[in-house]
Protein backbone atom coordinates (compact mmCIF):
# COMPACT_ATOMS: atom_id res chain seq x y z
CA UNK A 1 0.00 0.00 0.00
CA UNK A 2 1.38 3.48 -0.78
CA UNK A 3 2.55 5.82 1.95
CA UNK A 4 -0.79 7.60 2.01
CA UNK A 5 -3.69 6.83 -0.33
CA UNK A 6 -4.68 10.50 -0.67
CA UNK A 7 -1.09 11.53 -1.37
CA UNK A 8 -0.75 8.72 -3.91
CA UNK A 9 -3.88 9.89 -5.72
CA UNK A 10 -2.61 13.47 -5.87
CA UNK A 11 0.78 12.28 -7.06
CA UNK A 12 -0.78 10.13 -9.75
CA UNK A 13 -2.45 13.21 -11.21
CA UNK A 14 0.55 15.55 -10.83
CA UNK A 15 3.58 13.44 -11.65
CA UNK A 16 4.84 9.97 -12.33
CA UNK A 17 6.82 9.84 -9.08
CA UNK A 18 5.43 7.20 -6.76
CA UNK A 19 5.47 7.23 -2.98
CA UNK A 20 7.76 4.85 -1.14
CA UNK A 21 6.16 1.48 -0.38
CA UNK A 22 4.83 1.80 3.19
CA UNK A 23 1.58 1.72 5.07
CA UNK A 24 -0.59 4.79 5.50
CA UNK A 25 1.43 7.57 7.04
CA UNK A 26 1.13 10.52 9.31
CA UNK A 27 0.36 14.01 7.99
CA UNK A 28 3.96 15.07 8.68
CA UNK A 29 5.20 12.34 6.35
CA UNK A 30 2.72 13.36 3.64
CA UNK A 31 3.90 16.97 3.86
CA UNK A 32 7.53 15.88 3.62
CA UNK A 33 6.65 13.89 0.50
CA UNK A 34 4.80 16.85 -1.04
CA UNK A 35 7.80 19.08 -0.52
CA UNK A 36 10.23 16.45 -1.81
CA UNK A 37 8.44 16.24 -5.17
CA UNK A 38 7.49 19.92 -5.45
CA UNK A 39 3.82 19.34 -4.73
CA UNK A 40 1.15 21.93 -4.04
CA UNK A 41 1.81 24.69 -1.53
CA UNK A 42 0.52 24.08 1.97
CA UNK A 43 -0.26 27.31 3.84
CA UNK A 44 -0.24 25.93 7.40
CA UNK A 45 0.44 22.77 9.39
CA UNK A 46 -1.74 22.13 12.44
CA UNK A 47 -0.10 19.27 14.31
CA UNK A 48 -1.98 17.81 17.28
CA UNK A 49 0.37 15.71 19.40
CA UNK A 50 2.45 14.88 16.32
CA UNK A 51 4.20 11.56 15.86
CA UNK A 52 7.64 12.50 14.54
CA UNK A 53 10.08 9.80 15.67
CA UNK A 54 10.13 6.03 16.07
CA UNK A 55 12.81 5.83 18.77
CA UNK A 56 10.69 5.71 21.99
CA UNK A 57 13.65 7.16 23.91
CA UNK A 58 12.29 10.48 25.20
CA UNK A 59 11.52 11.21 28.86
CA UNK A 60 7.82 11.57 27.99
CA UNK A 61 7.76 7.98 26.70
CA UNK A 62 9.18 6.82 30.05
CA UNK A 63 7.15 9.16 32.27
CA UNK A 64 3.84 8.48 30.50
CA UNK A 65 4.36 4.83 29.57
CA UNK A 66 1.12 3.72 31.25
CA UNK A 67 -1.98 5.16 32.83
CA UNK A 68 -2.73 8.08 30.48
CA UNK A 69 -4.81 6.52 27.66
CA UNK A 70 -2.05 6.29 25.01
CA UNK A 71 0.75 4.02 26.22
CA UNK A 72 4.31 3.40 25.10
CA UNK A 73 3.41 -0.21 24.29
CA UNK A 74 0.46 1.06 22.27
CA UNK A 75 2.75 3.34 20.28
CA UNK A 76 5.15 0.46 19.61
CA UNK A 77 2.19 -1.53 18.30
CA UNK A 78 1.13 1.37 16.02
CA UNK A 79 4.68 1.83 14.73
CA UNK A 80 5.03 -1.89 13.98
CA UNK A 81 1.82 -1.80 11.96
CA UNK A 82 2.82 1.47 10.28
CA UNK A 83 6.27 0.48 9.01
CA UNK A 84 6.47 -3.28 9.52
CA UNK A 85 9.89 -4.91 9.69
CA UNK A 86 11.30 -3.92 6.28
CA UNK A 87 11.50 -0.13 6.70
CA UNK A 88 14.27 1.68 8.57
CA UNK A 89 12.54 3.71 11.31
CA UNK A 90 15.34 6.30 11.19
CA UNK A 91 14.60 7.50 7.65
CA UNK A 92 13.14 10.98 7.45
CA UNK A 93 9.96 9.85 5.64
CA UNK A 94 9.19 7.71 8.68
CA UNK A 95 10.65 9.89 11.44
CA UNK A 96 10.57 13.52 10.26
CA UNK A 97 12.27 14.59 13.51
CA UNK A 98 15.43 13.06 11.99
CA UNK A 99 15.20 14.96 8.69
CA UNK A 100 18.38 16.78 7.73
CA UNK A 101 16.44 19.68 6.18
CA UNK A 102 13.28 21.13 7.66
CA UNK A 103 13.54 24.49 5.90
CA UNK A 104 10.88 26.06 3.68
CA UNK A 105 7.97 24.45 5.48
CA UNK A 106 4.72 26.35 6.08
CA UNK A 107 3.88 28.09 9.34
CA UNK A 108 3.14 25.45 11.93
CA UNK A 109 1.05 25.12 15.07
CA UNK A 110 2.09 22.29 17.38
CA UNK A 111 -0.18 21.15 20.22
CA UNK A 112 1.09 18.77 22.90
CA UNK A 113 -0.37 17.32 26.10
CA UNK A 114 1.56 17.03 29.35
CA UNK A 115 0.68 13.40 30.00
CA UNK A 116 1.34 12.03 26.51
CA UNK A 117 4.18 9.76 25.39
CA UNK A 118 4.40 11.92 22.23
CA UNK A 119 4.90 15.22 24.09
CA UNK A 120 8.69 15.48 23.84
CA UNK A 121 8.99 14.51 20.18
CA UNK A 122 6.28 17.01 19.25
CA UNK A 123 8.00 19.80 21.16
CA UNK A 124 11.41 18.83 19.73
CA UNK A 125 9.93 18.93 16.23
CA UNK A 126 8.55 22.42 16.89
CA UNK A 127 12.00 23.60 18.05
CA UNK A 128 13.72 22.13 14.98
CA UNK A 129 11.18 23.75 12.67
CA UNK A 130 11.78 27.12 14.35
CA UNK A 131 15.55 26.67 14.09
CA UNK A 132 15.09 25.99 10.35
CA UNK A 133 13.26 29.31 9.96
CA UNK A 134 9.65 28.14 10.09
CA UNK A 135 7.15 30.29 11.97
CA UNK A 136 6.00 28.05 14.83
CA UNK A 137 3.35 28.42 17.53
CA UNK A 138 3.77 25.70 20.15
CA UNK A 139 1.46 25.08 23.09
CA UNK A 140 1.63 22.40 25.73
CA UNK A 141 -1.61 21.79 27.61
CA UNK A 142 -0.66 20.89 31.16
CA UNK A 143 -2.78 18.29 32.91
CA UNK A 144 -4.04 16.91 29.59
CA UNK A 145 -3.65 13.48 27.98
CA UNK A 146 -3.32 12.37 24.36
CA UNK A 147 -6.71 12.75 22.70
CA UNK A 148 -8.01 15.59 24.87
CA UNK A 149 -8.73 17.62 21.73
CA UNK A 150 -11.72 15.37 21.07
CA UNK A 151 -13.22 16.15 24.50
CA UNK A 152 -14.34 19.75 23.89
CA UNK A 153 -17.75 19.08 25.42
CA UNK A 154 -16.06 18.01 28.67
CA UNK A 155 -12.78 19.90 29.01
CA UNK A 156 -12.17 23.64 29.02
CA UNK A 157 -8.64 23.06 27.69
CA UNK A 158 -10.08 21.25 24.68
CA UNK A 159 -12.39 24.17 23.97
CA UNK A 160 -9.39 26.50 24.25
CA UNK A 161 -7.31 24.41 21.83
CA UNK A 162 -10.19 24.45 19.33
CA UNK A 163 -10.33 28.25 19.51
CA UNK A 164 -6.55 28.64 19.33
CA UNK A 165 -6.30 26.24 16.38
CA UNK A 166 -9.12 27.97 14.52
CA UNK A 167 -7.43 31.34 15.06
CA UNK A 168 -4.08 30.02 13.79
CA UNK A 169 -5.65 28.50 10.70
CA UNK A 170 -7.79 31.54 9.93
CA UNK A 171 -4.74 33.80 10.17
CA UNK A 172 -2.83 31.59 7.74
CA UNK A 173 -5.73 31.32 5.31
CA UNK A 174 -6.01 35.12 5.18
CA UNK A 175 -2.36 35.46 4.12
CA UNK A 176 -2.28 32.47 1.75
């Protein structure tokens, strides 16, 4: 199966370059592929607790390994089903945190949750994007777990992240 069925369909209409043979990928990987083949311009990235590395070696993976909905073992299961055994997890198309060039990417909003195994890799990705010259807005929501964004009817922080995200996107759409 191609890296991302939507990306593959767009590529099929735009060029004869095919995506690398992998399972469906994360939005970060799709954006990296778009840029690599000179695809359409993307005016903003909104990354909610982004998955950017397959190493499992951050403090947030250790600190939040169990008890906060998403677990480290769960992420290992997802990664195994995402890349299988034949793909090197260190390649940039799989782990964009390891990319050698993160320049010329669109403005980015990164949202992380305090009690999420993905917290540190998301925040590290935001820092690397900023160092590469990308305009980045990064917010960590303390006291929250992975998936809190979907709980807007229950959590004030989720309502706040909806409003913040909508503002960030609207601002980018006005300038695009």
